[in-house]
Amino acid sequence: IIATSLGQTFVGAVADYDLDYDLALVKIESPVSLSPAKFGTSSLLAVGDFVLSVGNPIRYANTFSMGIISCLKRPQHDLRSFCNFCLCLYFSGGALVNLEGEVIGLNCGHGEAEVGVGFAIPIGTVLKVMKERRWLCED
C-alpha cells in the first residue's frame, strides 16, 4: 500500500529491483495524475549541508529528520558511493531532500543500525541505475 501526504492510498507492486543498490521499481495504479518529485543534483552536495530525511518509522507517516552531510562518497558495499548524515532508524527507502525540497538521495538501510547515523544513495547514482535498468519514462 502506498499512501500520499493527502491521505490517498494506492496498491503498488514491485515491477523490478536491483539488489546491488537496494532499489526497487514500484508500479502504482492511480485514477488520478500524480505529481513527480523534483530531483536535485547530488554532485553539488558538500560536507556541512543541511538535509531533511523523509521516513515512515514505526508507521508514523510523513516523519522528517533533519541532518547534516558529514561525508561524501564513502565506499560501502562494492565501492558504491554513499553520503553519511544524521538519521533516525527506519527511514530506509525514504527521500533525502535539500532545503529547497529537491530529492538528492534515497535513504538506505546499509551500514550499522546506530542511532543518529544514516546512509543515502546519491540521486545521481539512483538515476544512473534507473537509466541502466531502463526504469526512466520518456516524456
N, C-alpha and C. Protein backbone atom coordinates (compact mmCIF):
# COMPACT_ATOMS: atom_id res chain seq x y z
N ILE A 1 0.85 -1.18 0.00
CA ILE A 1 0.00 0.00 0.00
C ILE A 1 0.90 1.24 0.00
N ILE A 2 0.61 2.16 -0.90
CA ILE A 2 1.33 3.43 -0.98
C ILE A 2 0.36 4.51 -0.54
N ALA A 3 0.79 5.36 0.39
CA ALA A 3 -0.06 6.43 0.89
C ALA A 3 0.59 7.78 0.60
N THR A 4 -0.22 8.74 0.19
CA THR A 4 0.29 10.09 -0.06
C THR A 4 0.09 10.94 1.19
N SER A 5 0.69 12.11 1.19
CA SER A 5 0.54 13.02 2.32
C SER A 5 -0.89 13.57 2.41
N LEU A 6 -1.67 13.43 1.33
CA LEU A 6 -3.06 13.89 1.32
C LEU A 6 -4.04 12.81 1.76
N GLY A 7 -3.51 11.65 2.17
CA GLY A 7 -4.35 10.57 2.65
C GLY A 7 -4.84 9.60 1.59
N GLN A 8 -4.45 9.81 0.35
CA GLN A 8 -4.82 8.87 -0.71
C GLN A 8 -3.98 7.60 -0.55
N THR A 9 -4.59 6.45 -0.86
CA THR A 9 -3.83 5.21 -0.83
C THR A 9 -3.97 4.49 -2.17
N PHE A 10 -2.90 3.82 -2.55
CA PHE A 10 -2.84 3.10 -3.81
C PHE A 10 -2.18 1.75 -3.58
N VAL A 11 -2.55 0.80 -4.40
CA VAL A 11 -1.90 -0.50 -4.34
C VAL A 11 -0.68 -0.43 -5.25
N GLY A 12 0.44 -0.89 -4.74
CA GLY A 12 1.66 -0.92 -5.52
C GLY A 12 2.21 -2.32 -5.61
N ALA A 13 2.94 -2.57 -6.67
CA ALA A 13 3.57 -3.88 -6.85
C ALA A 13 5.00 -3.67 -7.35
N VAL A 14 5.92 -4.45 -6.84
CA VAL A 14 7.31 -4.35 -7.29
C VAL A 14 7.40 -4.89 -8.71
N ALA A 15 7.78 -4.01 -9.64
CA ALA A 15 7.90 -4.39 -11.06
C ALA A 15 9.31 -4.91 -11.37
N ASP A 16 10.31 -4.40 -10.66
CA ASP A 16 11.70 -4.81 -10.86
C ASP A 16 12.49 -4.32 -9.65
N TYR A 17 13.68 -4.87 -9.48
CA TYR A 17 14.52 -4.44 -8.36
C TYR A 17 15.99 -4.64 -8.71
N ASP A 18 16.82 -3.93 -7.97
CA ASP A 18 18.27 -4.04 -8.11
C ASP A 18 18.83 -4.32 -6.72
N LEU A 19 19.26 -5.56 -6.50
CA LEU A 19 19.76 -5.95 -5.19
C LEU A 19 21.06 -5.26 -4.83
N ASP A 20 21.91 -5.00 -5.82
CA ASP A 20 23.20 -4.35 -5.54
C ASP A 20 23.02 -2.99 -4.89
N TYR A 21 22.01 -2.25 -5.33
CA TYR A 21 21.78 -0.90 -4.81
C TYR A 21 20.58 -0.81 -3.88
N ASP A 22 19.92 -1.92 -3.61
CA ASP A 22 18.76 -1.92 -2.73
C ASP A 22 17.68 -0.96 -3.23
N LEU A 23 17.44 -1.00 -4.55
CA LEU A 23 16.44 -0.15 -5.18
C LEU A 23 15.35 -1.01 -5.81
N ALA A 24 14.14 -0.49 -5.82
CA ALA A 24 13.03 -1.21 -6.46
C ALA A 24 12.19 -0.24 -7.27
N LEU A 25 11.65 -0.74 -8.37
CA LEU A 25 10.69 0.00 -9.18
C LEU A 25 9.31 -0.50 -8.78
N VAL A 26 8.49 0.41 -8.28
CA VAL A 26 7.15 0.05 -7.81
C VAL A 26 6.12 0.64 -8.77
N LYS A 27 5.26 -0.21 -9.29
CA LYS A 27 4.20 0.22 -10.20
C LYS A 27 2.96 0.53 -9.38
N ILE A 28 2.35 1.69 -9.66
CA ILE A 28 1.16 2.14 -8.94
C ILE A 28 0.04 2.35 -9.95
N GLU A 29 -1.12 1.80 -9.65
CA GLU A 29 -2.32 2.07 -10.45
C GLU A 29 -3.04 3.24 -9.80
N SER A 30 -3.18 4.34 -10.55
CA SER A 30 -3.81 5.53 -9.99
C SER A 30 -4.83 6.10 -10.97
N PRO A 31 -6.04 6.39 -10.49
CA PRO A 31 -7.04 7.00 -11.35
C PRO A 31 -6.80 8.50 -11.56
N VAL A 32 -5.90 9.07 -10.77
CA VAL A 32 -5.59 10.49 -10.88
C VAL A 32 -4.12 10.66 -11.22
N SER A 33 -3.80 11.81 -11.78
CA SER A 33 -2.42 12.11 -12.12
C SER A 33 -1.65 12.45 -10.84
N LEU A 34 -0.49 11.87 -10.67
CA LEU A 34 0.34 12.14 -9.51
C LEU A 34 1.49 13.06 -9.91
N SER A 35 1.83 13.99 -9.04
CA SER A 35 2.93 14.91 -9.33
C SER A 35 4.25 14.28 -8.96
N PRO A 36 5.23 14.31 -9.87
CA PRO A 36 6.53 13.72 -9.55
C PRO A 36 7.34 14.63 -8.63
N ALA A 37 8.24 14.04 -7.91
CA ALA A 37 9.17 14.80 -7.08
C ALA A 37 10.18 15.50 -7.98
N LYS A 38 10.71 16.61 -7.53
CA LYS A 38 11.74 17.32 -8.28
C LYS A 38 13.10 16.81 -7.80
N PHE A 39 13.95 16.42 -8.74
CA PHE A 39 15.28 15.93 -8.40
C PHE A 39 16.28 17.07 -8.35
N GLY A 40 17.14 17.04 -7.34
CA GLY A 40 18.25 17.96 -7.25
C GLY A 40 19.48 17.32 -7.87
N THR A 41 20.63 17.87 -7.55
CA THR A 41 21.89 17.36 -8.09
C THR A 41 22.79 16.96 -6.94
N SER A 42 23.01 15.66 -6.78
CA SER A 42 23.82 15.19 -5.66
C SER A 42 25.29 15.58 -5.82
N SER A 43 25.73 15.85 -7.03
CA SER A 43 27.14 16.24 -7.23
C SER A 43 27.44 17.61 -6.64
N LEU A 44 26.41 18.39 -6.32
CA LEU A 44 26.62 19.71 -5.73
C LEU A 44 26.63 19.68 -4.21
N LEU A 45 26.42 18.50 -3.61
CA LEU A 45 26.42 18.39 -2.15
C LEU A 45 27.80 18.66 -1.58
N ALA A 46 27.82 19.18 -0.37
CA ALA A 46 29.08 19.42 0.33
C ALA A 46 28.93 19.01 1.79
N VAL A 47 30.03 18.61 2.39
CA VAL A 47 30.03 18.31 3.82
C VAL A 47 29.58 19.57 4.55
N GLY A 48 28.65 19.41 5.47
CA GLY A 48 28.10 20.54 6.21
C GLY A 48 26.73 20.99 5.72
N ASP A 49 26.31 20.50 4.55
CA ASP A 49 24.98 20.85 4.03
C ASP A 49 23.89 20.26 4.92
N PHE A 50 22.85 21.05 5.14
CA PHE A 50 21.69 20.56 5.87
C PHE A 50 20.79 19.77 4.92
N VAL A 51 20.23 18.68 5.42
CA VAL A 51 19.32 17.85 4.63
C VAL A 51 18.14 17.44 5.50
N LEU A 52 17.07 17.06 4.83
CA LEU A 52 15.89 16.53 5.50
C LEU A 52 15.65 15.12 4.99
N SER A 53 15.34 14.23 5.89
CA SER A 53 15.06 12.85 5.53
C SER A 53 13.59 12.58 5.80
N VAL A 54 12.92 11.99 4.82
CA VAL A 54 11.51 11.65 4.95
C VAL A 54 11.42 10.16 5.21
N GLY A 55 10.63 9.79 6.21
CA GLY A 55 10.53 8.37 6.54
C GLY A 55 9.16 7.99 7.06
N ASN A 56 9.08 6.74 7.46
CA ASN A 56 7.84 6.16 7.97
C ASN A 56 8.18 5.24 9.15
N PRO A 57 8.91 5.79 10.16
CA PRO A 57 9.32 4.92 11.26
C PRO A 57 8.13 4.45 12.08
N ILE A 58 8.10 3.17 12.32
CA ILE A 58 7.04 2.56 13.12
C ILE A 58 5.65 3.01 12.64
N ARG A 59 5.52 3.15 11.33
CA ARG A 59 4.26 3.54 10.66
C ARG A 59 3.78 4.94 11.01
N TYR A 60 4.68 5.83 11.43
CA TYR A 60 4.34 7.24 11.61
C TYR A 60 4.66 7.94 10.30
N ALA A 61 3.66 8.04 9.43
CA ALA A 61 3.85 8.58 8.09
C ALA A 61 4.31 10.04 8.12
N ASN A 62 4.99 10.43 7.06
CA ASN A 62 5.44 11.81 6.86
C ASN A 62 6.29 12.32 8.02
N THR A 63 7.18 11.49 8.51
CA THR A 63 8.08 11.87 9.57
C THR A 63 9.36 12.43 8.95
N PHE A 64 9.83 13.55 9.47
CA PHE A 64 11.04 14.18 8.96
C PHE A 64 12.12 14.17 10.03
N SER A 65 13.34 14.04 9.58
CA SER A 65 14.50 14.15 10.44
C SER A 65 15.48 15.09 9.75
N MET A 66 16.03 16.03 10.49
CA MET A 66 16.99 16.97 9.91
C MET A 66 18.39 16.48 10.22
N GLY A 67 19.28 16.62 9.26
CA GLY A 67 20.65 16.18 9.46
C GLY A 67 21.63 17.06 8.72
N ILE A 68 22.88 16.71 8.86
CA ILE A 68 23.97 17.43 8.20
C ILE A 68 24.83 16.40 7.49
N ILE A 69 25.15 16.67 6.23
CA ILE A 69 26.03 15.79 5.47
C ILE A 69 27.40 15.79 6.16
N SER A 70 27.87 14.62 6.55
CA SER A 70 29.16 14.53 7.24
C SER A 70 30.24 13.87 6.40
N CYS A 71 29.84 13.19 5.34
CA CYS A 71 30.82 12.52 4.48
C CYS A 71 30.18 12.27 3.12
N LEU A 72 30.96 12.40 2.08
CA LEU A 72 30.51 12.12 0.72
C LEU A 72 31.36 11.02 0.11
N LYS A 73 30.75 10.22 -0.75
CA LYS A 73 31.44 9.18 -1.49
C LYS A 73 32.16 8.18 -0.59
N ARG A 74 31.49 7.82 0.48
CA ARG A 74 32.03 6.80 1.38
C ARG A 74 31.93 5.45 0.69
N PRO A 75 33.05 4.73 0.52
CA PRO A 75 32.94 3.42 -0.12
C PRO A 75 32.21 2.45 0.80
N GLN A 76 31.24 1.76 0.24
CA GLN A 76 30.42 0.84 1.02
C GLN A 76 29.83 -0.17 0.05
N HIS A 77 29.87 -1.44 0.36
CA HIS A 77 29.25 -2.48 -0.47
C HIS A 77 29.60 -2.31 -1.94
N ASP A 78 30.66 -2.94 -2.37
CA ASP A 78 31.07 -2.93 -3.77
C ASP A 78 31.45 -1.54 -4.28
N LEU A 79 32.01 -0.72 -3.41
CA LEU A 79 32.53 0.59 -3.77
C LEU A 79 31.48 1.55 -4.30
N ARG A 80 30.24 1.38 -3.90
CA ARG A 80 29.22 2.34 -4.29
C ARG A 80 29.39 3.61 -3.47
N SER A 81 28.94 4.71 -4.00
CA SER A 81 29.05 5.98 -3.29
C SER A 81 27.84 6.20 -2.39
N PHE A 82 28.12 6.49 -1.15
CA PHE A 82 27.08 6.82 -0.20
C PHE A 82 27.44 8.15 0.44
N CYS A 83 26.43 8.88 0.89
CA CYS A 83 26.72 10.03 1.73
C CYS A 83 26.24 9.68 3.13
N ASN A 84 26.88 10.23 4.12
CA ASN A 84 26.60 9.93 5.52
C ASN A 84 25.99 11.16 6.16
N PHE A 85 24.93 10.98 6.93
CA PHE A 85 24.26 12.10 7.59
C PHE A 85 23.54 11.58 8.82
N CYS A 86 23.11 12.47 9.66
CA CYS A 86 22.36 12.09 10.85
C CYS A 86 20.97 11.62 10.43
N LEU A 87 20.52 10.50 10.98
CA LEU A 87 19.24 9.92 10.56
C LEU A 87 18.67 9.06 11.67
N CYS A 88 17.37 9.14 11.85
CA CYS A 88 16.70 8.23 12.77
C CYS A 88 16.54 6.87 12.11
N LEU A 89 16.37 5.84 12.91
CA LEU A 89 16.17 4.49 12.38
C LEU A 89 14.85 4.40 11.62
N TYR A 90 14.76 3.44 10.71
CA TYR A 90 13.55 3.11 9.95
C TYR A 90 13.18 4.16 8.91
N PHE A 91 14.14 4.86 8.38
CA PHE A 91 13.88 5.82 7.31
C PHE A 91 14.28 5.24 5.96
N SER A 92 14.74 4.00 5.93
CA SER A 92 15.20 3.38 4.69
C SER A 92 14.11 3.40 3.63
N GLY A 93 14.49 3.81 2.43
CA GLY A 93 13.55 3.89 1.31
C GLY A 93 12.94 5.26 1.14
N GLY A 94 13.08 6.11 2.12
CA GLY A 94 12.53 7.46 2.02
C GLY A 94 13.46 8.40 1.28
N ALA A 95 12.95 9.57 0.98
CA ALA A 95 13.72 10.56 0.24
C ALA A 95 14.64 11.35 1.17
N LEU A 96 15.80 11.69 0.65
CA LEU A 96 16.70 12.65 1.29
C LEU A 96 16.59 13.91 0.44
N VAL A 97 16.18 15.01 1.05
CA VAL A 97 15.95 16.24 0.29
C VAL A 97 16.82 17.38 0.82
N ASN A 98 17.13 18.31 -0.10
CA ASN A 98 17.85 19.51 0.31
C ASN A 98 16.84 20.52 0.85
N LEU A 99 17.31 21.67 1.27
CA LEU A 99 16.41 22.66 1.88
C LEU A 99 15.51 23.33 0.86
N GLU A 100 15.72 23.06 -0.42
CA GLU A 100 14.83 23.55 -1.48
C GLU A 100 13.73 22.53 -1.79
N GLY A 101 13.75 21.39 -1.10
CA GLY A 101 12.75 20.35 -1.31
C GLY A 101 13.03 19.42 -2.47
N GLU A 102 14.23 19.48 -3.03
CA GLU A 102 14.61 18.61 -4.14
C GLU A 102 15.17 17.30 -3.60
N VAL A 103 14.80 16.19 -4.23
CA VAL A 103 15.32 14.89 -3.83
C VAL A 103 16.77 14.79 -4.26
N ILE A 104 17.67 14.58 -3.30
CA ILE A 104 19.10 14.48 -3.60
C ILE A 104 19.65 13.10 -3.27
N GLY A 105 18.80 12.23 -2.74
CA GLY A 105 19.24 10.88 -2.43
C GLY A 105 18.08 10.04 -1.91
N LEU A 106 18.35 8.75 -1.78
CA LEU A 106 17.39 7.83 -1.18
C LEU A 106 18.03 7.19 0.05
N ASN A 107 17.35 7.29 1.17
CA ASN A 107 17.85 6.69 2.41
C ASN A 107 17.92 5.18 2.24
N CYS A 108 18.97 4.61 2.77
CA CYS A 108 19.11 3.16 2.64
C CYS A 108 19.46 2.54 3.99
N GLY A 109 19.27 1.25 4.07
CA GLY A 109 19.49 0.53 5.32
C GLY A 109 20.88 -0.05 5.44
N HIS A 110 21.80 0.32 4.54
CA HIS A 110 23.16 -0.21 4.61
C HIS A 110 23.91 0.40 5.78
N GLY A 111 24.88 -0.30 6.26
CA GLY A 111 25.70 0.20 7.36
C GLY A 111 25.16 -0.28 8.69
N GLU A 112 25.76 0.19 9.73
CA GLU A 112 25.36 -0.20 11.08
C GLU A 112 24.08 0.52 11.47
N ALA A 113 23.24 -0.16 12.19
CA ALA A 113 21.97 0.43 12.64
C ALA A 113 22.21 1.20 13.93
N GLU A 114 22.97 2.24 13.85
CA GLU A 114 23.27 3.07 15.00
C GLU A 114 22.34 4.27 15.00
N VAL A 115 21.87 4.65 16.16
CA VAL A 115 21.01 5.82 16.26
C VAL A 115 21.82 7.05 15.87
N GLY A 116 21.24 7.86 15.00
CA GLY A 116 21.89 9.10 14.59
C GLY A 116 22.82 8.97 13.40
N VAL A 117 22.98 7.78 12.85
CA VAL A 117 23.84 7.60 11.68
C VAL A 117 22.99 7.02 10.56
N GLY A 118 23.08 7.62 9.40
CA GLY A 118 22.32 7.12 8.26
C GLY A 118 23.12 7.22 6.99
N PHE A 119 22.70 6.46 6.01
CA PHE A 119 23.35 6.49 4.72
C PHE A 119 22.31 6.71 3.64
N ALA A 120 22.73 7.32 2.56
CA ALA A 120 21.83 7.54 1.43
C ALA A 120 22.58 7.28 0.14
N ILE A 121 21.84 6.80 -0.84
CA ILE A 121 22.39 6.64 -2.17
C ILE A 121 22.15 7.98 -2.88
N PRO A 122 23.20 8.65 -3.35
CA PRO A 122 23.02 9.93 -4.03
C PRO A 122 22.08 9.79 -5.24
N ILE A 123 21.29 10.83 -5.50
CA ILE A 123 20.31 10.76 -6.58
C ILE A 123 20.99 10.55 -7.94
N GLY A 124 22.21 11.03 -8.10
CA GLY A 124 22.94 10.78 -9.35
C GLY A 124 23.16 9.30 -9.58
N THR A 125 23.48 8.58 -8.51
CA THR A 125 23.67 7.13 -8.60
C THR A 125 22.33 6.44 -8.87
N VAL A 126 21.27 6.89 -8.20
CA VAL A 126 19.94 6.32 -8.40
C VAL A 126 19.52 6.49 -9.86
N LEU A 127 19.69 7.70 -10.41
CA LEU A 127 19.30 7.95 -11.80
C LEU A 127 20.13 7.13 -12.78
N LYS A 128 21.41 6.92 -12.46
CA LYS A 128 22.26 6.09 -13.31
C LYS A 128 21.72 4.65 -13.35
N VAL A 129 21.38 4.11 -12.18
CA VAL A 129 20.83 2.75 -12.11
C VAL A 129 19.50 2.69 -12.85
N MET A 130 18.66 3.70 -12.67
CA MET A 130 17.36 3.73 -13.36
C MET A 130 17.54 3.74 -14.88
N LYS A 131 18.52 4.49 -15.35
CA LYS A 131 18.78 4.54 -16.80
C LYS A 131 19.29 3.19 -17.29
N GLU A 132 20.25 2.61 -16.56
CA GLU A 132 20.81 1.32 -16.95
C GLU A 132 19.75 0.22 -16.98
N ARG A 133 18.81 0.27 -16.05
CA ARG A 133 17.77 -0.77 -15.98
C ARG A 133 16.53 -0.39 -16.79
N ARG A 134 16.60 0.73 -17.48
CA ARG A 134 15.50 1.23 -18.32
C ARG A 134 14.23 1.47 -17.52
N TRP A 135 14.40 2.06 -16.34
CA TRP A 135 13.26 2.40 -15.49
C TRP A 135 12.75 3.81 -15.75
N LEU A 136 13.52 4.63 -16.46
CA LEU A 136 13.12 6.01 -16.69
C LEU A 136 12.04 6.08 -17.76
N CYS A 137 11.04 6.92 -17.52
CA CYS A 137 9.97 7.13 -18.50
C CYS A 137 10.41 8.23 -19.46
N GLU A 138 10.02 8.09 -20.69
CA GLU A 138 10.29 9.12 -21.68
C GLU A 138 9.12 10.10 -21.70
N ASP A 139 9.42 11.39 -21.67
CA ASP A 139 8.36 12.41 -21.74
C ASP A 139 8.11 12.79 -23.17
